[in-house]
Every structure is written in C-alpha cells, then in structure tokens.
Amino acid sequence: MNNKMIILSISLFGIFSAQAIAGGEHQHQHKKTTSKESSGHHSKDSAHSHGSEISGVGQPANASDATREILVTTKDTMRYEFSDELNFKDGEVITFIITNKGQLNHEFSIGDKEEQQAHLEMMKTMPNMVHEDGNTMTLKPGETKKLTWKFKGNPDVVFACNIPGHFEAGMVAKGKIVKSKDEQQIKSIISAIKYGWENGDGKPFHQNFLNFDGARYIESGGQNKGLNSLVDHHVEPEKDAFDYMNLDFSNVEIHFEGGDKKDFAWVVADTRFKAQLKNKGKKYDKSGYQTFLFKKINDQWKVVHTHSSSRNYNPKKKH
C-alpha cells in the first residue's frame, strides 16, 4: 500500500461522520431557575418549574400531536393505575390524563432511571415542592391534569412519584420505548459497516449498499465514485495498513421520510476513529460526524449515499 493510498484511506474517516441533530438519543435536562430558587428560599408549598424539560426518554409535546390518550390514577396505596399498556413507539406522542383519587398529594413524573433518582434526592431536601414542569405534575386530592409527552431515546422509561416516602413505598412504574423493525434493521446495517471498516471486510458494504451508476461517498476533502472504489481502494486495504483500528458511532439518530411508505431515511451520528499505522507507528485519533442516506427496496434498507467530516480529536471542543 503506497503512501498516497494511505493518505486517501486516512482522509476517508471523514466518511464516518455527520452533523448530529440536537435531541439525539440522549440530551441533558435544562432547568429554568426562578428568582426564589436563585436566592435559595422556597415557600412551604412553592410551585417549581424547570421550564421546557428535555429528557433521556423524550420531551414535552403539543396535545394536538398526540396519537392516543392514557388515563392515569394515583392512589394513597402508593400505586399508579394506567388504562393502557406502557409500550411506546419511538417518536410516539401520548397525552396522559392524571387524576388523584387519594387524600394525599401525589406526583406524576416521566424520566429515565438516573433522572428520577436525581429528582428523588432533590425532593428530600424540598419535600413540599409543587411541580408544574414539562415532565412532572403535582396533583392535589381530587385534581386532574394533563401531560403530553413525545417518547424518544433511552428505551427504559420510569414513571414515579418522588414525594418523600412515596417512591420508596412502590409508587413507580416502568415503560418501554419500542424501536420499529425498520430502525432495528438500519442500526444493524450501521453495526455491520463498523465491523467492515475495523476488519477490512468488504462484504457488509456489498450486502448493504446499493451499487448503482453515479454512487458517490463523500469524505473530508474527497470522494469515492462507486461502491467498488470504496471497497477496493479503502475498506479492504486498511487491514494491511494499520496495527489496529477502532471506530465508534454514537448519538445515532434515524429520521424516516416518504409519507405512508416511509421508504427513505436519513441518519446522523457522532463518530470517533482511532488507528495506528504499521510502517511508522503513527497514531490517529479523529472525531466528527457522519450522514447516511437509506432507500428501502423490496423491504430491505440499502445505503445510497454517505457524507462525512472529521478532525483531530479535541475533548474540549467535542459536543
């Protein structure tokens, strides 16, 4: 493998990168601080709002976008009752109609395990806090409220009442975000592509890419014209050029288009590439972003285009 080919191969690891859209599978919560919170003072039953909450399991949504409603009852037995199963499609919008049929205040909160644990610890220091958040509602006896939520991200959803003593007594329920068959197939293809690059194996590319005239795969500063060019000049020679190669995709987001058919998808992901050349021992550590375009043909998803960018890894600048 000559030096020119090695340089082209290194530049290709722009292929494993593309701008990740905010909302990716996991996002940080954002808290809007009130003047009382910033001063450190809270009234006995002060209302508390985090503003627009973005969670590891989704975010608030408009009621007009909801595809179904679920009735929720809170009881003094420290249990929830739901009118429907707690399995949600990825991206599904649900309106919860919560009624407190007990004689005590109760909470209805949506989050992942870590978020609920953090909320529980916070409530121990402020046990009388009343919530009106995008992901949490406090209900007085006899009160009914609505909360509309778009489920996306971490598959494990936790519903909880974090009023001190209530969670510990069992006022918690678990739900599941179920990925579609199409999403599972696309993620499986991306995993196969990762394997192909790391092992210099062209088979996953021939199996999962649509080989057509005019196909182009764009990387940082260059492109490959056609699938054979990509495999023969880059993928397969890598195993002879490097002592090791590690490639990671993270924050993978899949977006489907094409109306009811949903036969087109675009995917974005963060990337990290590490490798060491055999001849000189030079090490590479690059991070960037990757875009894949997919077309569904005969019930099978095929990659039709990739576009990427990358640069030397810098943990201070990587988001």
C-alpha atoms as a PDB file:
ATOM      1  CA  MET A   1       0.000   0.000   0.000  1.00  0.00           C
ATOM      2  CA  ASN A   2       1.726   3.221  -1.117  1.00  0.00           C
ATOM      3  CA  ASN A   3       1.829   6.483   0.821  1.00  0.00           C
ATOM      4  CA  LYS A   4      -0.725   8.129  -1.463  1.00  0.00           C
ATOM      5  CA  MET A   5      -3.201   5.318  -0.795  1.00  0.00           C
ATOM      6  CA  ILE A   6      -2.631   5.542   2.955  1.00  0.00           C
ATOM      7  CA  ILE A   7      -3.319   9.283   2.907  1.00  0.00           C
ATOM      8  CA  LEU A   8      -6.528   8.667   0.967  1.00  0.00           C
ATOM      9  CA  SER A   9      -7.512   5.983   3.441  1.00  0.00           C
ATOM     10  CA  ILE A  10      -6.961   8.251   6.422  1.00  0.00           C
ATOM     11  CA  SER A  11      -8.989  11.030   4.839  1.00  0.00           C
ATOM     12  CA  LEU A  12     -11.827   8.560   4.387  1.00  0.00           C
ATOM     13  CA  PHE A  13     -12.520   8.639   8.076  1.00  0.00           C
ATOM     14  CA  GLY A  14     -14.457  11.641   7.370  1.00  0.00           C
ATOM     15  CA  ILE A  15     -16.849   9.020   5.958  1.00  0.00           C
ATOM     16  CA  PHE A  16     -17.732   8.037   9.469  1.00  0.00           C
ATOM     17  CA  SER A  17     -19.146  11.391  10.486  1.00  0.00           C
ATOM     18  CA  ALA A  18     -22.001  13.904  10.090  1.00  0.00           C
ATOM     19  CA  GLN A  19     -23.641  16.738  11.948  1.00  0.00           C
ATOM     20  CA  ALA A  20     -25.673  15.248  14.824  1.00  0.00           C
ATOM     21  CA  ILE A  21     -29.023  16.958  15.297  1.00  0.00           C
ATOM     22  CA  ALA A  22     -29.886  18.146  18.816  1.00  0.00           C
ATOM     23  CA  GLY A  23     -32.259  15.729  20.534  1.00  0.00           C
ATOM     24  CA  GLY A  24     -30.274  12.727  19.874  1.00  0.00           C
ATOM     25  CA  GLU A  25     -30.842   9.838  21.556  1.00  0.00           C
ATOM     26  CA  HIS A  26     -29.695  11.343  24.946  1.00  0.00           C
ATOM     27  CA  GLN A  27     -29.917  15.002  25.898  1.00  0.00           C
ATOM     28  CA  HIS A  28     -29.286  16.945  29.052  1.00  0.00           C
ATOM     29  CA  GLN A  29     -32.091  18.395  31.107  1.00  0.00           C
ATOM     30  CA  HIS A  30     -32.343  22.161  31.157  1.00  0.00           C
ATOM     31  CA  LYS A  31     -33.547  23.958  34.222  1.00  0.00           C
ATOM     32  CA  LYS A  32     -35.106  27.390  34.263  1.00  0.00           C
ATOM     33  CA  THR A  33     -34.242  28.923  37.613  1.00  0.00           C
ATOM     34  CA  THR A  34     -36.756  31.170  39.331  1.00  0.00           C
ATOM     35  CA  SER A  35     -35.771  34.145  41.457  1.00  0.00           C
ATOM     36  CA  LYS A  36     -36.723  32.244  44.618  1.00  0.00           C
ATOM     37  CA  GLU A  37     -34.530  29.303  43.644  1.00  0.00           C
ATOM     38  CA  SER A  38     -31.533  31.507  42.889  1.00  0.00           C
ATOM     39  CA  SER A  39     -31.831  33.163  46.274  1.00  0.00           C
ATOM     40  CA  GLY A  40     -32.081  29.778  47.971  1.00  0.00           C
ATOM     41  CA  HIS A  41     -35.520  30.435  49.524  1.00  0.00           C
ATOM     42  CA  HIS A  42     -38.672  28.381  48.980  1.00  0.00           C
ATOM     43  CA  SER A  43     -42.133  28.761  50.409  1.00  0.00           C
ATOM     44  CA  LYS A  44     -43.740  25.794  52.104  1.00  0.00           C
ATOM     45  CA  ASP A  45     -45.720  24.805  49.020  1.00  0.00           C
ATOM     46  CA  SER A  46     -43.893  26.797  46.371  1.00  0.00           C
ATOM     47  CA  ALA A  47     -44.513  25.909  42.752  1.00  0.00           C
ATOM     48  CA  HIS A  48     -41.445  24.785  40.860  1.00  0.00           C
ATOM     49  CA  SER A  49     -40.901  24.772  37.112  1.00  0.00           C
ATOM     50  CA  HIS A  50     -37.848  23.551  35.221  1.00  0.00           C
ATOM     51  CA  GLY A  51     -39.141  25.169  32.056  1.00  0.00           C
ATOM     52  CA  SER A  52     -39.066  23.011  28.922  1.00  0.00           C
ATOM     53  CA  GLU A  53     -37.640  19.669  30.017  1.00  0.00           C
ATOM     54  CA  ILE A  54     -35.677  17.523  27.580  1.00  0.00           C
ATOM     55  CA  SER A  55     -35.118  14.055  28.963  1.00  0.00           C
ATOM     56  CA  GLY A  56     -33.268  10.893  28.065  1.00  0.00           C
ATOM     57  CA  VAL A  57     -36.671   9.399  27.219  1.00  0.00           C
ATOM     58  CA  GLY A  58     -38.125  12.273  25.203  1.00  0.00           C
ATOM     59  CA  GLN A  59     -39.591  15.711  25.706  1.00  0.00           C
ATOM     60  CA  PRO A  60     -42.882  17.615  26.175  1.00  0.00           C
ATOM     61  CA  ALA A  61     -45.113  17.855  23.107  1.00  0.00           C
ATOM     62  CA  ASN A  62     -48.263  19.593  21.917  1.00  0.00           C
ATOM     63  CA  ALA A  63     -51.531  17.871  22.764  1.00  0.00           C
ATOM     64  CA  SER A  64     -52.636  18.287  19.131  1.00  0.00           C
ATOM     65  CA  ASP A  65     -49.830  15.903  18.094  1.00  0.00           C
ATOM     66  CA  ALA A  66     -50.923  13.077  20.420  1.00  0.00           C
ATOM     67  CA  THR A  67     -51.983   9.817  18.780  1.00  0.00           C
ATOM     68  CA  ARG A  68     -53.599   8.356  21.902  1.00  0.00           C
ATOM     69  CA  GLU A  69     -54.525   9.116  25.495  1.00  0.00           C
ATOM     70  CA  ILE A  70     -53.746   7.125  28.608  1.00  0.00           C
ATOM     71  CA  LEU A  71     -55.733   7.615  31.808  1.00  0.00           C
ATOM     72  CA  VAL A  72     -53.676   7.533  34.997  1.00  0.00           C
ATOM     73  CA  THR A  73     -54.992   7.224  38.545  1.00  0.00           C
ATOM     74  CA  THR A  74     -52.875   7.999  41.597  1.00  0.00           C
ATOM     75  CA  LYS A  75     -53.875   6.350  44.866  1.00  0.00           C
ATOM     76  CA  ASP A  76     -52.924   6.517  48.522  1.00  0.00           C
ATOM     77  CA  THR A  77     -51.942   2.848  48.302  1.00  0.00           C
ATOM     78  CA  MET A  78     -48.832   4.311  46.627  1.00  0.00           C
ATOM     79  CA  ARG A  79     -49.688   2.821  43.271  1.00  0.00           C
ATOM     80  CA  TYR A  80     -50.491   4.084  39.774  1.00  0.00           C
ATOM     81  CA  GLU A  81     -53.245   2.634  37.626  1.00  0.00           C
ATOM     82  CA  PHE A  82     -52.920   3.021  33.832  1.00  0.00           C
ATOM     83  CA  SER A  83     -55.704   2.499  31.299  1.00  0.00           C
ATOM     84  CA  ASP A  84     -53.312   1.139  28.665  1.00  0.00           C
ATOM     85  CA  GLU A  85     -50.017  -0.719  28.365  1.00  0.00           C
ATOM     86  CA  LEU A  86     -46.824   1.274  28.777  1.00  0.00           C
ATOM     87  CA  ASN A  87     -45.190   0.345  25.479  1.00  0.00           C
ATOM     88  CA  PHE A  88     -44.483   3.303  23.219  1.00  0.00           C
ATOM     89  CA  LYS A  89     -43.324   3.564  19.636  1.00  0.00           C
ATOM     90  CA  ASP A  90     -40.169   5.566  19.128  1.00  0.00           C
ATOM     91  CA  GLY A  91     -41.352   9.130  18.424  1.00  0.00           C
ATOM     92  CA  GLU A  92     -44.921   8.461  19.612  1.00  0.00           C
ATOM     93  CA  VAL A  93     -46.774  11.329  21.301  1.00  0.00           C
ATOM     94  CA  ILE A  94     -49.058  10.421  24.224  1.00  0.00           C
ATOM     95  CA  THR A  95     -51.341  12.564  26.381  1.00  0.00           C
ATOM     96  CA  PHE A  96     -51.602  11.336  29.965  1.00  0.00           C
ATOM     97  CA  ILE A  97     -54.738  12.379  31.841  1.00  0.00           C
ATOM     98  CA  ILE A  98     -53.839  12.037  35.509  1.00  0.00           C
ATOM     99  CA  THR A  99     -56.391  12.042  38.331  1.00  0.00           C
ATOM    100  CA  ASN A 100     -55.537  11.953  42.024  1.00  0.00           C
ATOM    101  CA  LYS A 101     -58.172   9.778  43.722  1.00  0.00           C
ATOM    102  CA  GLY A 102     -56.393   9.789  47.068  1.00  0.00           C
ATOM    103  CA  GLN A 103     -56.395  12.113  50.064  1.00  0.00           C
ATOM    104  CA  LEU A 104     -52.703  12.975  49.769  1.00  0.00           C
ATOM    105  CA  ASN A 105     -50.735  14.964  47.217  1.00  0.00           C
ATOM    106  CA  HIS A 106     -49.082  12.821  44.551  1.00  0.00           C
ATOM    107  CA  GLU A 107     -46.680  13.359  41.682  1.00  0.00           C
ATOM    108  CA  PHE A 108     -46.634  12.068  38.143  1.00  0.00           C
ATOM    109  CA  SER A 109     -43.145  12.296  36.655  1.00  0.00           C
ATOM    110  CA  ILE A 110     -41.625  10.909  33.435  1.00  0.00           C
ATOM    111  CA  GLY A 111     -37.887  10.257  33.072  1.00  0.00           C
ATOM    112  CA  ASP A 112     -35.173   7.656  32.909  1.00  0.00           C
ATOM    113  CA  LYS A 113     -33.720   5.903  35.958  1.00  0.00           C
ATOM    114  CA  GLU A 114     -30.956   8.452  36.566  1.00  0.00           C
ATOM    115  CA  GLU A 115     -33.286  11.441  36.192  1.00  0.00           C
ATOM    116  CA  GLN A 116     -35.810  10.014  38.626  1.00  0.00           C
ATOM    117  CA  GLN A 117     -33.055   9.285  41.144  1.00  0.00           C
ATOM    118  CA  ALA A 118     -31.837  12.879  40.913  1.00  0.00           C
ATOM    119  CA  HIS A 119     -35.401  14.162  41.311  1.00  0.00           C
ATOM    120  CA  LEU A 120     -35.913  11.913  44.327  1.00  0.00           C
ATOM    121  CA  GLU A 121     -32.791  13.277  46.030  1.00  0.00           C
ATOM    122  CA  MET A 122     -33.853  16.840  45.317  1.00  0.00           C
ATOM    123  CA  MET A 123     -37.320  16.230  46.790  1.00  0.00           C
ATOM    124  CA  LYS A 124     -35.760  15.004  50.019  1.00  0.00           C
ATOM    125  CA  THR A 125     -34.382  18.494  50.564  1.00  0.00           C
ATOM    126  CA  MET A 126     -37.615  20.215  49.447  1.00  0.00           C
ATOM    127  CA  PRO A 127     -40.437  17.819  50.409  1.00  0.00           C
ATOM    128  CA  ASN A 128     -43.248  20.355  49.898  1.00  0.00           C
ATOM    129  CA  MET A 129     -42.193  21.383  46.424  1.00  0.00           C
ATOM    130  CA  VAL A 130     -45.105  21.615  43.970  1.00  0.00           C
ATOM    131  CA  HIS A 131     -44.195  20.876  40.339  1.00  0.00           C
ATOM    132  CA  GLU A 132     -45.649  22.199  37.109  1.00  0.00           C
ATOM    133  CA  ASP A 133     -42.939  21.011  34.712  1.00  0.00           C
ATOM    134  CA  GLY A 134     -42.871  19.608  31.235  1.00  0.00           C
ATOM    135  CA  ASN A 135     -42.181  16.164  32.684  1.00  0.00           C
ATOM    136  CA  THR A 136     -43.610  16.387  36.227  1.00  0.00           C
ATOM    137  CA  MET A 137     -47.009  17.274  37.700  1.00  0.00           C
ATOM    138  CA  THR A 138     -48.042  17.580  41.351  1.00  0.00           C
ATOM    139  CA  LEU A 139     -51.711  16.742  41.939  1.00  0.00           C
ATOM    140  CA  LYS A 140     -53.773  17.650  44.974  1.00  0.00           C
ATOM    141  CA  PRO A 141     -56.580  15.299  46.120  1.00  0.00           C
ATOM    142  CA  GLY A 142     -59.332  15.155  43.516  1.00  0.00           C
ATOM    143  CA  GLU A 143     -57.321  17.107  40.949  1.00  0.00           C
ATOM    144  CA  THR A 144     -56.960  16.132  37.274  1.00  0.00           C
ATOM    145  CA  LYS A 145     -54.180  17.344  34.980  1.00  0.00           C
ATOM    146  CA  LYS A 146     -52.833  16.522  31.528  1.00  0.00           C
ATOM    147  CA  LEU A 147     -49.261  15.918  30.401  1.00  0.00           C
ATOM    148  CA  THR A 148     -48.354  15.332  26.739  1.00  0.00           C
ATOM    149  CA  TRP A 149     -45.049  13.633  26.013  1.00  0.00           C
ATOM    150  CA  LYS A 150     -43.059  12.555  22.945  1.00  0.00           C
ATOM    151  CA  PHE A 151     -41.170   9.327  23.665  1.00  0.00           C
ATOM    152  CA  LYS A 152     -37.699   9.059  22.169  1.00  0.00           C
ATOM    153  CA  GLY A 153     -34.250   7.901  23.245  1.00  0.00           C
ATOM    154  CA  ASN A 154     -33.471   5.568  26.140  1.00  0.00           C
ATOM    155  CA  PRO A 155     -35.810   2.546  25.834  1.00  0.00           C
ATOM    156  CA  ASP A 156     -36.340   2.272  29.607  1.00  0.00           C
ATOM    157  CA  VAL A 157     -38.955   4.758  30.868  1.00  0.00           C
ATOM    158  CA  VAL A 158     -39.682   5.326  34.558  1.00  0.00           C
ATOM    159  CA  PHE A 159     -42.892   6.903  35.903  1.00  0.00           C
ATOM    160  CA  ALA A 160     -42.566   7.942  39.537  1.00  0.00           C
ATOM    161  CA  CYS A 161     -43.925   9.911  42.451  1.00  0.00           C
ATOM    162  CA  ASN A 162     -40.896  11.386  44.201  1.00  0.00           C
ATOM    163  CA  ILE A 163     -42.669  12.921  47.162  1.00  0.00           C
ATOM    164  CA  PRO A 164     -40.629  11.615  50.115  1.00  0.00           C
ATOM    165  CA  GLY A 165     -41.747   8.123  51.092  1.00  0.00           C
ATOM    166  CA  HIS A 166     -43.994   7.566  48.068  1.00  0.00           C
ATOM    167  CA  PHE A 167     -41.365   6.203  45.662  1.00  0.00           C
ATOM    168  CA  GLU A 168     -39.936   4.011  48.411  1.00  0.00           C
ATOM    169  CA  ALA A 169     -43.421   2.615  49.082  1.00  0.00           C
ATOM    170  CA  GLY A 170     -43.748   1.493  45.475  1.00  0.00           C
ATOM    171  CA  MET A 171     -45.238   4.444  43.599  1.00  0.00           C
ATOM    172  CA  VAL A 172     -43.253   3.752  40.462  1.00  0.00           C
ATOM    173  CA  ALA A 173     -43.995   2.106  37.115  1.00  0.00           C
ATOM    174  CA  LYS A 174     -41.841   1.162  34.140  1.00  0.00           C
ATOM    175  CA  GLY A 175     -42.488   1.586  30.441  1.00  0.00           C
ATOM    176  CA  LYS A 176     -40.653   0.755  27.224  1.00  0.00           C
ATOM    177  CA  ILE A 177     -39.855   2.660  24.055  1.00  0.00           C
ATOM    178  CA  VAL A 178     -40.041   0.028  21.321  1.00  0.00           C
ATOM    179  CA  LYS A 179     -37.899   0.561  18.249  1.00  0.00           C
ATOM    180  CA  SER A 180     -39.520  -0.194  14.900  1.00  0.00           C
ATOM    181  CA  LYS A 181     -38.388  -3.067  12.687  1.00  0.00           C
ATOM    182  CA  ASP A 182     -37.048  -0.516  10.191  1.00  0.00           C
ATOM    183  CA  GLU A 183     -34.985   1.259  12.828  1.00  0.00           C
ATOM    184  CA  GLN A 184     -33.579  -2.018  14.109  1.00  0.00           C
ATOM    185  CA  GLN A 185     -32.602  -3.012  10.563  1.00  0.00           C
ATOM    186  CA  ILE A 186     -30.831   0.295   9.901  1.00  0.00           C
ATOM    187  CA  LYS A 187     -28.915   0.142  13.182  1.00  0.00           C
ATOM    188  CA  SER A 188     -27.896  -3.422  12.349  1.00  0.00           C
ATOM    189  CA  ILE A 189     -26.530  -2.227   8.999  1.00  0.00           C
ATOM    190  CA  ILE A 190     -24.516   0.530  10.695  1.00  0.00           C
ATOM    191  CA  SER A 191     -23.062  -2.054  13.081  1.00  0.00           C
ATOM    192  CA  ALA A 192     -22.105  -4.223  10.087  1.00  0.00           C
ATOM    193  CA  ILE A 193     -20.406  -1.237   8.425  1.00  0.00           C
ATOM    194  CA  LYS A 194     -18.436  -0.598  11.618  1.00  0.00           C
ATOM    195  CA  TYR A 195     -17.308  -4.247  11.564  1.00  0.00           C
ATOM    196  CA  GLY A 196     -16.344  -3.987   7.892  1.00  0.00           C
ATOM    197  CA  TRP A 197     -14.122  -0.965   8.428  1.00  0.00           C
ATOM    198  CA  GLU A 198     -12.427  -2.352  11.535  1.00  0.00           C
ATOM    199  CA  ASN A 199     -11.701  -5.713   9.867  1.00  0.00           C
ATOM    200  CA  GLY A 200     -11.024  -4.647   6.286  1.00  0.00           C
ATOM    201  CA  ASP A 201     -14.011  -6.713   5.168  1.00  0.00           C
ATOM    202  CA  GLY A 202     -15.927  -5.523   2.099  1.00  0.00           C
ATOM    203  CA  LYS A 203     -18.823  -7.981   2.456  1.00  0.00           C
ATOM    204  CA  PRO A 204     -21.015  -5.757   4.692  1.00  0.00           C
ATOM    205  CA  PHE A 205     -20.675  -2.985   2.108  1.00  0.00           C
ATOM    206  CA  HIS A 206     -21.621  -5.192  -0.842  1.00  0.00           C
ATOM    207  CA  GLN A 207     -24.545  -6.588   1.151  1.00  0.00           C
ATOM    208  CA  ASN A 208     -25.923  -3.301   2.475  1.00  0.00           C
ATOM    209  CA  PHE A 209     -25.002  -0.617  -0.095  1.00  0.00           C
ATOM    210  CA  LEU A 210     -26.965  -0.080  -3.299  1.00  0.00           C
ATOM    211  CA  ASN A 211     -24.442  -0.412  -6.113  1.00  0.00           C
ATOM    212  CA  PHE A 212     -25.615   1.937  -8.860  1.00  0.00           C
ATOM    213  CA  ASP A 213     -24.117   4.171 -11.534  1.00  0.00           C
ATOM    214  CA  GLY A 214     -23.284   7.567 -10.117  1.00  0.00           C
ATOM    215  CA  ALA A 215     -22.995   6.436  -6.486  1.00  0.00           C
ATOM    216  CA  ARG A 216     -20.707   8.727  -4.517  1.00  0.00           C
ATOM    217  CA  TYR A 217     -19.419   8.556  -0.969  1.00  0.00           C
ATOM    218  CA  ILE A 218     -18.131  11.915   0.252  1.00  0.00           C
ATOM    219  CA  GLU A 219     -15.466  12.231   2.926  1.00  0.00           C
ATOM    220  CA  SER A 220     -13.387  15.092   4.294  1.00  0.00           C
ATOM    221  CA  GLY A 221     -11.819  16.687   1.245  1.00  0.00           C
ATOM    222  CA  GLY A 222     -12.568  13.885  -1.209  1.00  0.00           C
ATOM    223  CA  GLN A 223     -14.976  11.323  -2.573  1.00  0.00           C
ATOM    224  CA  ASN A 224     -15.257   7.746  -3.804  1.00  0.00           C
ATOM    225  CA  LYS A 225     -17.116   7.190  -7.073  1.00  0.00           C
ATOM    226  CA  GLY A 226     -18.899   3.871  -6.907  1.00  0.00           C
ATOM    227  CA  LEU A 227     -19.046   1.069  -4.378  1.00  0.00           C
ATOM    228  CA  ASN A 228     -16.114  -0.859  -5.837  1.00  0.00           C
ATOM    229  CA  SER A 229     -13.861   2.171  -5.448  1.00  0.00           C
ATOM    230  CA  LEU A 230     -14.864   2.485  -1.806  1.00  0.00           C
ATOM    231  CA  VAL A 231     -14.290  -1.201  -1.007  1.00  0.00           C
ATOM    232  CA  ASP A 232     -11.273  -1.994  -3.211  1.00  0.00           C
ATOM    233  CA  HIS A 233      -9.284   1.182  -2.578  1.00  0.00           C
ATOM    234  CA  HIS A 234     -10.160   1.894   1.043  1.00  0.00           C
ATOM    235  CA  VAL A 235     -12.045  -0.681   3.100  1.00  0.00           C
ATOM    236  CA  GLU A 236     -10.106  -3.855   2.272  1.00  0.00           C
ATOM    237  CA  PRO A 237      -6.566  -2.359   2.178  1.00  0.00           C
ATOM    238  CA  GLU A 238      -6.994  -0.971   5.695  1.00  0.00           C
ATOM    239  CA  LYS A 239      -6.268  -4.314   7.359  1.00  0.00           C
ATOM    240  CA  ASP A 240      -2.770  -4.272   5.862  1.00  0.00           C
ATOM    241  CA  ALA A 241      -2.085  -0.620   6.663  1.00  0.00           C
ATOM    242  CA  PHE A 242      -2.899  -0.494  10.386  1.00  0.00           C
ATOM    243  CA  ASP A 243      -1.782  -2.324  13.503  1.00  0.00           C
ATOM    244  CA  TYR A 244      -5.221  -1.610  14.910  1.00  0.00           C
ATOM    245  CA  MET A 245      -8.332   0.370  14.062  1.00  0.00           C
ATOM    246  CA  ASN A 246     -11.299   1.259  16.265  1.00  0.00           C
ATOM    247  CA  LEU A 247     -14.416   3.005  15.005  1.00  0.00           C
ATOM    248  CA  ASP A 248     -17.370   4.103  17.120  1.00  0.00           C
ATOM    249  CA  PHE A 249     -20.735   5.553  16.126  1.00  0.00           C
ATOM    250  CA  SER A 250     -22.682   7.330  18.880  1.00  0.00           C
ATOM    251  CA  ASN A 251     -25.778   9.532  19.233  1.00  0.00           C
ATOM    252  CA  VAL A 252     -27.260   7.806  16.190  1.00  0.00           C
ATOM    253  CA  GLU A 253     -30.494   9.445  15.018  1.00  0.00           C
ATOM    254  CA  ILE A 254     -32.782   7.969  12.374  1.00  0.00           C
ATOM    255  CA  HIS A 255     -35.378  10.024  10.531  1.00  0.00           C
ATOM    256  CA  PHE A 256     -37.865   8.448   8.126  1.00  0.00           C
ATOM    257  CA  GLU A 257     -39.387  10.158   5.076  1.00  0.00           C
ATOM    258  CA  GLY A 258     -41.585   9.136   2.177  1.00  0.00           C
ATOM    259  CA  GLY A 259     -45.112   9.578   3.509  1.00  0.00           C
ATOM    260  CA  ASP A 260     -47.018   6.438   4.422  1.00  0.00           C
ATOM    261  CA  LYS A 261     -44.488   4.244   2.618  1.00  0.00           C
ATOM    262  CA  LYS A 262     -41.560   5.595   4.677  1.00  0.00           C
ATOM    263  CA  ASP A 263     -39.150   4.206   2.106  1.00  0.00           C
ATOM    264  CA  PHE A 264     -36.411   6.795   2.627  1.00  0.00           C
ATOM    265  CA  ALA A 265     -34.337   7.514   5.748  1.00  0.00           C
ATOM    266  CA  TRP A 266     -31.518   9.828   6.697  1.00  0.00           C
ATOM    267  CA  VAL A 267     -29.250   9.029   9.605  1.00  0.00           C
ATOM    268  CA  VAL A 268     -26.819  11.220  11.516  1.00  0.00           C
ATOM    269  CA  ALA A 269     -24.213  10.163  14.087  1.00  0.00           C
ATOM    270  CA  ASP A 270     -21.179  11.279  16.036  1.00  0.00           C
ATOM    271  CA  THR A 271     -18.003   9.341  15.233  1.00  0.00           C
ATOM    272  CA  ARG A 272     -14.634   8.533  16.800  1.00  0.00           C
ATOM    273  CA  PHE A 273     -11.799   6.854  14.873  1.00  0.00           C
ATOM    274  CA  LYS A 274      -8.545   5.560  16.381  1.00  0.00           C
ATOM    275  CA  ALA A 275      -5.782   3.776  14.484  1.00  0.00           C
ATOM    276  CA  GLN A 276      -2.031   3.196  14.273  1.00  0.00           C
ATOM    277  CA  LEU A 277      -0.059   2.775  11.044  1.00  0.00           C
ATOM    278  CA  LYS A 278       2.136  -0.316  10.805  1.00  0.00           C
ATOM    279  CA  ASN A 279       5.130   1.137   8.985  1.00  0.00           C
ATOM    280  CA  LYS A 280       5.801   4.280  11.046  1.00  0.00           C
ATOM    281  CA  GLY A 281       3.700   3.653  14.123  1.00  0.00           C
ATOM    282  CA  LYS A 282       1.874   6.949  13.655  1.00  0.00           C
ATOM    283  CA  LYS A 283      -1.331   7.148  15.673  1.00  0.00           C
ATOM    284  CA  TYR A 284      -4.607   8.749  14.637  1.00  0.00           C
ATOM    285  CA  ASP A 285      -7.438   9.927  16.859  1.00  0.00           C
ATOM    286  CA  LYS A 286     -10.200  11.719  14.989  1.00  0.00           C
ATOM    287  CA  SER A 287     -13.761  12.685  15.801  1.00  0.00           C
ATOM    288  CA  GLY A 288     -16.510  14.038  13.610  1.00  0.00           C
ATOM    289  CA  TYR A 289     -19.935  13.449  12.159  1.00  0.00           C
ATOM    290  CA  GLN A 290     -21.492  11.025   9.672  1.00  0.00           C
ATOM    291  CA  THR A 291     -24.568  11.112   7.441  1.00  0.00           C
ATOM    292  CA  PHE A 292     -26.099   8.048   5.780  1.00  0.00           C
ATOM    293  CA  LEU A 293     -28.924   8.125   3.245  1.00  0.00           C
ATOM    294  CA  PHE A 294     -31.002   4.928   3.012  1.00  0.00           C
ATOM    295  CA  LYS A 295     -33.539   3.700   0.453  1.00  0.00           C
ATOM    296  CA  LYS A 296     -35.953   0.844   1.138  1.00  0.00           C
ATOM    297  CA  ILE A 297     -36.012  -1.624  -1.734  1.00  0.00           C
ATOM    298  CA  ASN A 298     -38.009  -4.883  -1.637  1.00  0.00           C
ATOM    299  CA  ASP A 299     -38.430  -4.484   2.130  1.00  0.00           C
ATOM    300  CA  GLN A 300     -34.667  -4.145   2.645  1.00  0.00           C
ATOM    301  CA  TRP A 301     -32.828  -0.944   3.539  1.00  0.00           C
ATOM    302  CA  LYS A 302     -29.813  -0.023   1.398  1.00  0.00           C
ATOM    303  CA  VAL A 303     -27.240   2.729   1.839  1.00  0.00           C
ATOM    304  CA  VAL A 304     -27.310   5.020  -1.213  1.00  0.00           C
ATOM    305  CA  HIS A 305     -25.022   7.831  -0.046  1.00  0.00           C
ATOM    306  CA  THR A 306     -22.672   8.836   2.763  1.00  0.00           C
ATOM    307  CA  HIS A 307     -21.212  12.214   3.675  1.00  0.00           C
ATOM    308  CA  SER A 308     -18.792  12.993   6.455  1.00  0.00           C
ATOM    309  CA  SER A 309     -16.297  15.285   8.117  1.00  0.00           C
ATOM    310  CA  SER A 310     -13.742  14.789  10.864  1.00  0.00           C
ATOM    311  CA  ARG A 311     -10.794  16.426  12.585  1.00  0.00           C
ATOM    312  CA  ASN A 312      -8.235  15.609  15.236  1.00  0.00           C
ATOM    313  CA  TYR A 313      -9.982  14.687  18.454  1.00  0.00           C
ATOM    314  CA  ASN A 314     -10.194  17.512  20.974  1.00  0.00           C
ATOM    315  CA  PRO A 315     -12.251  16.697  24.086  1.00  0.00           C
ATOM    316  CA  LYS A 316     -12.643  20.390  24.925  1.00  0.00           C
ATOM    317  CA  LYS A 317     -14.368  21.132  21.621  1.00  0.00           C
ATOM    318  CA  LYS A 318     -16.344  17.908  21.145  1.00  0.00           C
ATOM    319  CA  HIS A 319     -20.073  18.297  21.983  1.00  0.00           C
END
